[in-house]
Amino acid sequence: MQNTLLQRIGKQLEDWLPEGTIIKVEGSKALEIITEQEAVVVNVSCEPLHFLTGRSEDVWRPVHVENIAYIESNQKKTWFYAGDESYCATQTLKELMPRLPHQFLQVHRSYIVNLHSIVEISKDIGAGYLVTMEDGAVLPVSQSFVSAVRKRLEF
């Protein structure tokens, strides 16, 4: 199905791309658009994540996404937290979000939370909210995500 979707996207792109552009569909991972000047890869992978592999000290560990409480972007690095451990991942929040299961929700440009790990939601100063996680971490819900959070959590 993904291959068919990529082929349909490629057909639609042909209408507005410059003449001489080559569209190449390879597997189910990416749609490659090659012009005479440059090659651009548009990643349209939608395969759901089952594990996220992260580095803790000098060891890489695969962690089942169900066990991840939240994911954080901090100082150009992506960290995820599972149990008492924190791991550094290679993907960005933007890359991870579409591949995470439905119970994950972005609450801030720097945070994605597992809804199953939320203990409480409280009002912050102003119109914002704070999300308290099972491990005690208190994460902000930014203004741009408040309506999505309220809708998803039905409050």
Protein backbone atom coordinates (compact mmCIF):
# COMPACT_ATOMS: atom_id res chain seq x y z
CA MET A 1 0.00 0.00 0.00
CA GLN A 2 2.80 2.44 0.86
CA ASN A 3 4.44 1.78 -2.50
CA THR A 4 1.15 2.56 -4.28
CA LEU A 5 0.80 5.76 -2.25
CA LEU A 6 4.32 6.81 -3.19
CA GLN A 7 3.58 6.14 -6.86
CA ARG A 8 0.42 8.28 -6.67
CA ILE A 9 2.35 11.10 -5.00
CA GLY A 10 4.98 10.84 -7.73
CA LYS A 11 2.30 11.10 -10.45
CA GLN A 12 0.79 14.20 -8.81
CA LEU A 13 4.19 15.84 -8.49
CA GLU A 14 4.89 15.41 -12.21
CA ASP A 15 2.30 18.10 -12.97
CA TRP A 16 4.13 20.91 -11.18
CA LEU A 17 7.79 19.90 -11.26
CA PRO A 18 10.13 21.38 -13.91
CA GLU A 19 10.48 19.50 -17.18
CA GLY A 20 13.34 17.00 -17.12
CA THR A 21 12.70 16.06 -13.48
CA ILE A 22 13.02 12.39 -12.68
CA ILE A 23 10.82 10.92 -9.97
CA LYS A 24 12.07 7.69 -8.48
CA VAL A 25 10.13 5.48 -6.06
CA GLU A 26 12.33 3.02 -4.22
CA GLY A 27 10.81 0.55 -1.77
CA SER A 28 8.52 2.01 0.86
CA LYS A 29 10.98 4.37 2.49
CA ALA A 30 11.36 7.47 0.36
CA LEU A 31 10.37 9.34 -2.73
CA GLU A 32 13.41 10.72 -4.51
CA ILE A 33 13.04 13.74 -6.74
CA ILE A 34 16.04 14.43 -8.94
CA THR A 35 16.43 17.62 -10.97
CA GLU A 36 19.38 18.54 -13.13
CA GLN A 37 20.79 20.80 -10.40
CA GLU A 38 20.30 18.73 -7.26
CA ALA A 39 18.78 15.66 -5.68
CA VAL A 40 16.22 16.02 -2.93
CA VAL A 41 14.94 13.14 -0.85
CA VAL A 42 11.51 13.55 0.67
CA ASN A 43 11.04 11.04 3.46
CA VAL A 44 7.51 9.75 3.50
CA SER A 45 8.13 6.74 5.71
CA CYS A 46 5.10 6.07 7.84
CA GLU A 47 6.16 2.79 9.34
CA PRO A 48 5.16 2.86 13.01
CA LEU A 49 7.90 2.71 15.59
CA HIS A 50 7.90 -0.29 17.89
CA PHE A 51 11.30 0.36 19.43
CA LEU A 52 13.40 3.47 19.84
CA THR A 53 17.11 2.88 20.22
CA GLY A 54 19.02 5.27 22.41
CA ARG A 55 22.43 5.68 23.93
CA SER A 56 22.92 5.53 27.67
CA GLU A 57 26.56 6.10 28.58
CA ASP A 58 28.46 3.96 26.04
CA VAL A 59 25.71 1.43 25.36
CA TRP A 60 22.93 1.56 22.75
CA ARG A 61 19.65 0.06 23.96
CA PRO A 62 16.41 -0.60 22.08
CA VAL A 63 13.45 0.46 24.23
CA HIS A 64 9.88 -0.54 23.40
CA VAL A 65 7.90 2.66 22.74
CA GLU A 66 5.18 1.58 25.19
CA ASN A 67 7.79 1.97 27.96
CA ILE A 68 8.75 5.53 26.99
CA ALA A 69 7.18 8.16 29.28
CA TYR A 70 8.21 11.21 27.26
CA ILE A 71 10.63 12.49 24.65
CA GLU A 72 12.49 15.77 24.95
CA SER A 73 14.49 17.97 22.63
CA ASN A 74 17.18 19.80 24.59
CA GLN A 75 20.23 21.63 23.24
CA LYS A 76 19.91 20.10 19.77
CA LYS A 77 19.71 16.56 21.17
CA THR A 78 16.73 14.26 21.55
CA TRP A 79 16.32 12.47 24.86
CA PHE A 80 13.73 9.90 25.84
CA TYR A 81 12.86 8.69 29.30
CA ALA A 82 11.78 5.18 30.27
CA GLY A 83 11.61 4.10 33.89
CA ASP A 84 14.64 5.48 35.74
CA GLU A 85 16.73 5.72 32.57
CA SER A 86 17.33 8.47 30.03
CA TYR A 87 18.58 7.81 26.52
CA CYS A 88 19.92 9.98 23.72
CA ALA A 89 18.35 9.28 20.31
CA THR A 90 19.49 10.22 16.82
CA GLN A 91 16.07 11.28 15.46
CA THR A 92 14.42 14.66 15.93
CA LEU A 93 10.97 15.16 17.46
CA LYS A 94 9.71 16.12 14.02
CA GLU A 95 10.92 12.78 12.61
CA LEU A 96 9.56 10.75 15.52
CA MET A 97 6.09 12.24 15.98
CA PRO A 98 4.39 10.79 12.87
CA ARG A 99 5.78 7.33 13.59
CA LEU A 100 4.81 7.09 17.26
CA PRO A 101 1.67 5.23 18.39
CA HIS A 102 -1.56 7.16 18.99
CA GLN A 103 -0.98 7.46 22.75
CA PHE A 104 1.86 9.95 22.14
CA LEU A 105 1.00 13.63 21.98
CA GLN A 106 3.18 16.66 21.38
CA VAL A 107 2.56 19.21 24.15
CA HIS A 108 5.38 21.65 23.43
CA ARG A 109 7.92 22.16 20.67
CA SER A 110 10.39 20.41 22.98
CA TYR A 111 8.19 17.62 24.42
CA ILE A 112 6.19 14.61 23.27
CA VAL A 113 4.43 12.70 26.06
CA ASN A 114 3.00 9.22 26.40
CA LEU A 115 -0.59 9.81 27.54
CA HIS A 116 -0.42 6.62 29.62
CA SER A 117 2.37 8.18 31.73
CA ILE A 118 0.54 11.39 32.67
CA VAL A 119 -0.38 11.63 36.36
CA GLU A 120 -2.04 15.05 36.33
CA ILE A 121 -2.57 18.25 34.39
CA SER A 122 -2.57 21.54 36.26
CA LYS A 123 -3.00 25.21 35.39
CA ASP A 124 0.16 27.21 34.90
CA ILE A 125 0.55 30.94 35.38
CA GLY A 126 -1.40 32.62 32.59
CA ALA A 127 -3.37 30.44 30.20
CA GLY A 128 -0.93 27.53 30.08
CA TYR A 129 -0.89 24.08 31.61
CA LEU A 130 1.66 21.79 33.20
CA VAL A 131 1.73 18.02 32.75
CA THR A 132 3.09 15.91 35.61
CA MET A 133 4.51 12.56 34.56
CA GLU A 134 4.79 9.31 36.54
CA ASP A 135 8.49 9.92 37.20
CA GLY A 136 7.69 13.32 38.75
CA ALA A 137 8.82 15.39 35.76
CA VAL A 138 6.69 18.50 35.24
CA LEU A 139 6.47 19.52 31.58
CA PRO A 140 4.96 22.68 30.11
CA VAL A 141 2.12 22.65 27.60
CA SER A 142 2.79 25.55 25.25
CA GLN A 143 0.02 27.84 24.01
CA SER A 144 0.23 26.44 20.48
CA PHE A 145 -0.56 22.91 21.74
CA VAL A 146 -3.18 23.71 24.42
CA SER A 147 -6.24 23.16 22.21
CA ALA A 148 -4.90 19.84 20.86
CA VAL A 149 -4.12 18.64 24.39
CA ARG A 150 -7.55 19.71 25.71
CA LYS A 151 -9.31 18.03 22.79
CA ARG A 152 -7.32 14.81 23.04
CA LEU A 153 -7.65 14.54 26.83
CA GLU A 154 -11.25 15.79 26.75
CA PHE A 155 -11.12 18.53 29.38
